């Protein structure tokens, strides 16, 4: 499902314009992104939790050449699904 499809579904469900739904969806995404950029967690009870994760530096291999390379440490977003979401999917 794409962002446009989510906006269309939200607009239909809430009986609002697609522009208004797009503004709300955009605001939610921006809020989650901003919180993660500050290192905060974002929780939706029953749905899941967004957080940031420190990935350690490691050694890897270039699949094309087989050469050993150093992969630097980085911070990545992480999502852990909540109980209700897990049950709905299984």
C-alpha atoms as a PDB file:
ATOM      1  CA  UNK A   1       0.000   0.000   0.000  1.00  0.00           C
ATOM      2  CA  UNK A   2       1.463   3.356  -1.025  1.00  0.00           C
ATOM      3  CA  UNK A   3       1.248   6.709   0.759  1.00  0.00           C
ATOM      4  CA  UNK A   4      -1.318   7.894  -1.817  1.00  0.00           C
ATOM      5  CA  UNK A   5      -3.477   4.832  -1.165  1.00  0.00           C
ATOM      6  CA  UNK A   6      -3.298   5.438   2.591  1.00  0.00           C
ATOM      7  CA  UNK A   7      -4.307   9.091   2.074  1.00  0.00           C
ATOM      8  CA  UNK A   8      -7.250   8.051  -0.114  1.00  0.00           C
ATOM      9  CA  UNK A   9      -8.399   5.468   2.449  1.00  0.00           C
ATOM     10  CA  UNK A  10      -8.062   7.927   5.357  1.00  0.00           C
ATOM     11  CA  UNK A  11      -9.985  10.595   3.421  1.00  0.00           C
ATOM     12  CA  UNK A  12     -12.805   8.152   2.659  1.00  0.00           C
ATOM     13  CA  UNK A  13     -12.947   6.766   6.216  1.00  0.00           C
ATOM     14  CA  UNK A  14     -12.947  10.205   7.869  1.00  0.00           C
ATOM     15  CA  UNK A  15     -15.148  11.829   5.187  1.00  0.00           C
ATOM     16  CA  UNK A  16     -12.631  14.611   4.555  1.00  0.00           C
ATOM     17  CA  UNK A  17     -10.811  15.851   1.468  1.00  0.00           C
ATOM     18  CA  UNK A  18      -7.704  14.105   0.190  1.00  0.00           C
ATOM     19  CA  UNK A  19      -5.770  17.350   0.744  1.00  0.00           C
ATOM     20  CA  UNK A  20      -6.748  17.432   4.428  1.00  0.00           C
ATOM     21  CA  UNK A  21      -5.963  13.731   4.855  1.00  0.00           C
ATOM     22  CA  UNK A  22      -2.620  14.206   3.099  1.00  0.00           C
ATOM     23  CA  UNK A  23      -1.792  17.079   5.427  1.00  0.00           C
ATOM     24  CA  UNK A  24      -2.579  14.970   8.497  1.00  0.00           C
ATOM     25  CA  UNK A  25      -0.642  11.931   7.252  1.00  0.00           C
ATOM     26  CA  UNK A  26       2.304  14.166   6.353  1.00  0.00           C
ATOM     27  CA  UNK A  27       2.216  15.767   9.795  1.00  0.00           C
ATOM     28  CA  UNK A  28       2.202  12.372  11.516  1.00  0.00           C
ATOM     29  CA  UNK A  29       5.172  11.186   9.453  1.00  0.00           C
ATOM     30  CA  UNK A  30       7.056  14.430  10.135  1.00  0.00           C
ATOM     31  CA  UNK A  31       6.342  14.127  13.874  1.00  0.00           C
ATOM     32  CA  UNK A  32       7.613  10.546  13.995  1.00  0.00           C
ATOM     33  CA  UNK A  33      10.706  11.488  11.971  1.00  0.00           C
ATOM     34  CA  UNK A  34      11.439  14.479  14.213  1.00  0.00           C
ATOM     35  CA  UNK A  35      11.094  12.449  17.394  1.00  0.00           C
ATOM     36  CA  UNK A  36      13.396   9.718  16.067  1.00  0.00           C
ATOM     37  CA  UNK A  37      15.941  12.316  14.950  1.00  0.00           C
ATOM     38  CA  UNK A  38      16.077  13.527  18.575  1.00  0.00           C
ATOM     39  CA  UNK A  39      16.515   9.938  19.795  1.00  0.00           C
ATOM     40  CA  UNK A  40      13.009   9.639  21.280  1.00  0.00           C
ATOM     41  CA  UNK A  41      10.695   6.633  21.032  1.00  0.00           C
ATOM     42  CA  UNK A  42       7.241   6.862  19.438  1.00  0.00           C
ATOM     43  CA  UNK A  43       4.655   4.364  20.704  1.00  0.00           C
ATOM     44  CA  UNK A  44       1.216   3.517  19.370  1.00  0.00           C
ATOM     45  CA  UNK A  45      -0.361   1.177  21.927  1.00  0.00           C
ATOM     46  CA  UNK A  46      -1.375  -2.065  20.226  1.00  0.00           C
ATOM     47  CA  UNK A  47       0.296  -1.079  16.934  1.00  0.00           C
ATOM     48  CA  UNK A  48       3.976  -0.816  17.774  1.00  0.00           C
ATOM     49  CA  UNK A  49       6.954   1.302  18.761  1.00  0.00           C
ATOM     50  CA  UNK A  50       9.371   3.251  16.582  1.00  0.00           C
ATOM     51  CA  UNK A  51      12.843   3.793  18.037  1.00  0.00           C
ATOM     52  CA  UNK A  52      16.440   4.341  16.976  1.00  0.00           C
ATOM     53  CA  UNK A  53      19.129   1.676  17.149  1.00  0.00           C
ATOM     54  CA  UNK A  54      22.902   2.048  17.216  1.00  0.00           C
ATOM     55  CA  UNK A  55      24.386  -0.411  14.739  1.00  0.00           C
ATOM     56  CA  UNK A  56      28.023  -1.220  15.587  1.00  0.00           C
ATOM     57  CA  UNK A  57      30.862  -0.999  13.093  1.00  0.00           C
ATOM     58  CA  UNK A  58      31.621  -4.309  11.451  1.00  0.00           C
ATOM     59  CA  UNK A  59      33.653  -5.996   8.760  1.00  0.00           C
ATOM     60  CA  UNK A  60      31.901  -7.055   5.566  1.00  0.00           C
ATOM     61  CA  UNK A  61      32.698  -8.314   2.090  1.00  0.00           C
ATOM     62  CA  UNK A  62      32.112  -6.646  -1.234  1.00  0.00           C
ATOM     63  CA  UNK A  63      29.917  -9.212  -3.037  1.00  0.00           C
ATOM     64  CA  UNK A  64      31.309  -8.258  -6.435  1.00  0.00           C
ATOM     65  CA  UNK A  65      35.036  -8.410  -5.658  1.00  0.00           C
ATOM     66  CA  UNK A  66      35.144 -10.402  -2.430  1.00  0.00           C
ATOM     67  CA  UNK A  67      37.323  -7.686  -0.874  1.00  0.00           C
ATOM     68  CA  UNK A  68      37.002  -7.111   2.876  1.00  0.00           C
ATOM     69  CA  UNK A  69      35.552  -3.692   3.750  1.00  0.00           C
ATOM     70  CA  UNK A  70      34.881  -1.831   6.982  1.00  0.00           C
ATOM     71  CA  UNK A  71      31.233  -0.877   7.475  1.00  0.00           C
ATOM     72  CA  UNK A  72      31.028   2.134   9.819  1.00  0.00           C
ATOM     73  CA  UNK A  73      28.764   2.380  12.858  1.00  0.00           C
ATOM     74  CA  UNK A  74      25.440   4.047  12.161  1.00  0.00           C
ATOM     75  CA  UNK A  75      22.125   4.911  13.751  1.00  0.00           C
ATOM     76  CA  UNK A  76      19.080   3.328  12.105  1.00  0.00           C
ATOM     77  CA  UNK A  77      15.318   3.466  12.713  1.00  0.00           C
ATOM     78  CA  UNK A  78      13.733   0.383  14.244  1.00  0.00           C
ATOM     79  CA  UNK A  79      10.098  -0.767  14.533  1.00  0.00           C
ATOM     80  CA  UNK A  80       8.774  -3.339  16.964  1.00  0.00           C
ATOM     81  CA  UNK A  81       5.247  -4.528  16.255  1.00  0.00           C
ATOM     82  CA  UNK A  82       2.715  -4.505  19.088  1.00  0.00           C
ATOM     83  CA  UNK A  83       0.610  -7.438  20.205  1.00  0.00           C
ATOM     84  CA  UNK A  84      -2.553  -6.385  18.346  1.00  0.00           C
ATOM     85  CA  UNK A  85      -0.666  -5.897  15.074  1.00  0.00           C
ATOM     86  CA  UNK A  86       1.077  -9.271  15.425  1.00  0.00           C
ATOM     87  CA  UNK A  87      -2.260 -10.995  16.077  1.00  0.00           C
ATOM     88  CA  UNK A  88      -3.947  -9.236  13.135  1.00  0.00           C
ATOM     89  CA  UNK A  89      -1.226 -10.343  10.724  1.00  0.00           C
ATOM     90  CA  UNK A  90      -0.943 -13.969  11.851  1.00  0.00           C
END
